[in-house]
Amino acid sequence: MARVCQVTGTTPGFGHHVSHSHRRTKRRFDVNIQSKRYWVPSLRRHVTLTLSARGIKTVDVRGIDAVVADILARGGRV
């Protein structure tokens, strides 16, 4: 599963592990991705979205209908 939020578009960040001796090795900062199931009244069905924690808060504030409309307008799949 790709670690990308369907609402915010947040993707993993990249950086380095830095040891005590300052040797650097590559690492990846993953997004806090959750799979969440919502009832969408406009579609009259459940949809499962892959959301970050910030994306879940966005759905709570704006409403699921508005968020799903934005995803569909961008050409996303719901």
Protein backbone atom coordinates (compact mmCIF):
# COMPACT_ATOMS: atom_id res chain seq x y z
CA MET A 1 0.00 0.00 0.00
CA ALA A 2 1.34 3.41 -0.95
CA ARG A 3 1.82 5.69 2.05
CA VAL A 4 -0.10 8.62 0.52
CA CYS A 5 -3.11 10.41 2.02
CA GLN A 6 -6.06 10.66 -0.39
CA VAL A 7 -7.24 13.96 1.12
CA THR A 8 -4.09 15.98 1.82
CA GLY A 9 -1.75 14.26 -0.64
CA THR A 10 0.90 13.92 2.04
CA THR A 11 3.76 11.59 1.03
CA PRO A 12 6.71 10.21 3.01
CA GLY A 13 9.65 12.45 3.78
CA PHE A 14 13.25 11.32 3.40
CA GLY A 15 16.33 12.06 5.44
CA HIS A 16 19.22 10.45 7.29
CA HIS A 17 19.76 8.41 10.42
CA VAL A 18 22.68 10.16 12.11
CA SER A 19 24.69 7.96 14.45
CA HIS A 20 26.71 9.11 17.44
CA SER A 21 29.81 9.18 15.23
CA HIS A 22 27.82 11.23 12.65
CA ARG A 23 27.71 8.53 9.99
CA ARG A 24 24.60 9.06 7.86
CA THR A 25 22.37 6.38 6.38
CA LYS A 26 19.17 6.97 4.44
CA ARG A 27 15.81 6.70 6.22
CA ARG A 28 12.18 7.36 5.47
CA PHE A 29 9.69 9.34 7.57
CA ASP A 30 6.38 7.57 6.90
CA VAL A 31 3.02 9.31 7.08
CA ASN A 32 0.55 8.14 9.75
CA ILE A 33 -1.80 6.40 7.29
CA GLN A 34 -5.08 4.89 8.46
CA SER A 35 -7.74 3.06 6.48
CA LYS A 36 -11.12 4.56 7.39
CA ARG A 37 -14.61 3.62 6.22
CA TYR A 38 -17.25 6.35 5.83
CA TRP A 39 -20.90 6.38 4.79
CA VAL A 40 -21.33 8.92 1.96
CA PRO A 41 -24.98 10.02 1.71
CA SER A 42 -24.59 11.56 -1.77
CA LEU A 43 -23.29 8.25 -3.20
CA ARG A 44 -25.54 6.15 -0.93
CA ARG A 45 -22.71 3.72 -0.13
CA HIS A 46 -19.70 3.22 2.09
CA VAL A 47 -16.27 4.28 0.88
CA THR A 48 -12.92 3.30 2.34
CA LEU A 49 -10.34 6.07 2.27
CA THR A 50 -6.62 5.94 2.99
CA LEU A 51 -6.10 8.95 5.24
CA SER A 52 -3.43 10.53 7.37
CA ALA A 53 -4.32 11.76 10.84
CA ARG A 54 -4.55 15.30 9.43
CA GLY A 55 -6.83 13.99 6.65
CA ILE A 56 -9.24 12.48 9.22
CA LYS A 57 -9.44 15.86 10.96
CA THR A 58 -10.10 17.53 7.60
CA VAL A 59 -13.02 15.16 6.97
CA ASP A 60 -14.39 15.95 10.44
CA VAL A 61 -14.28 19.71 9.74
CA ARG A 62 -15.40 19.88 6.09
CA GLY A 63 -17.69 16.84 5.95
CA ILE A 64 -17.36 13.63 3.97
CA ASP A 65 -19.49 14.81 1.03
CA ALA A 66 -17.26 17.83 0.34
CA VAL A 67 -14.06 15.79 0.69
CA VAL A 68 -15.28 13.01 -1.62
CA ALA A 69 -16.40 15.62 -4.19
CA ASP A 70 -12.88 17.11 -4.17
CA ILE A 71 -11.27 13.69 -4.60
CA LEU A 72 -13.56 12.88 -7.54
CA ALA A 73 -12.95 16.32 -9.10
CA ARG A 74 -9.19 15.65 -9.04
CA GLY A 75 -9.81 12.39 -10.90
CA GLY A 76 -9.21 10.24 -7.84
CA ARG A 77 -10.89 6.93 -7.15
CA VAL A 78 -13.26 6.46 -4.25
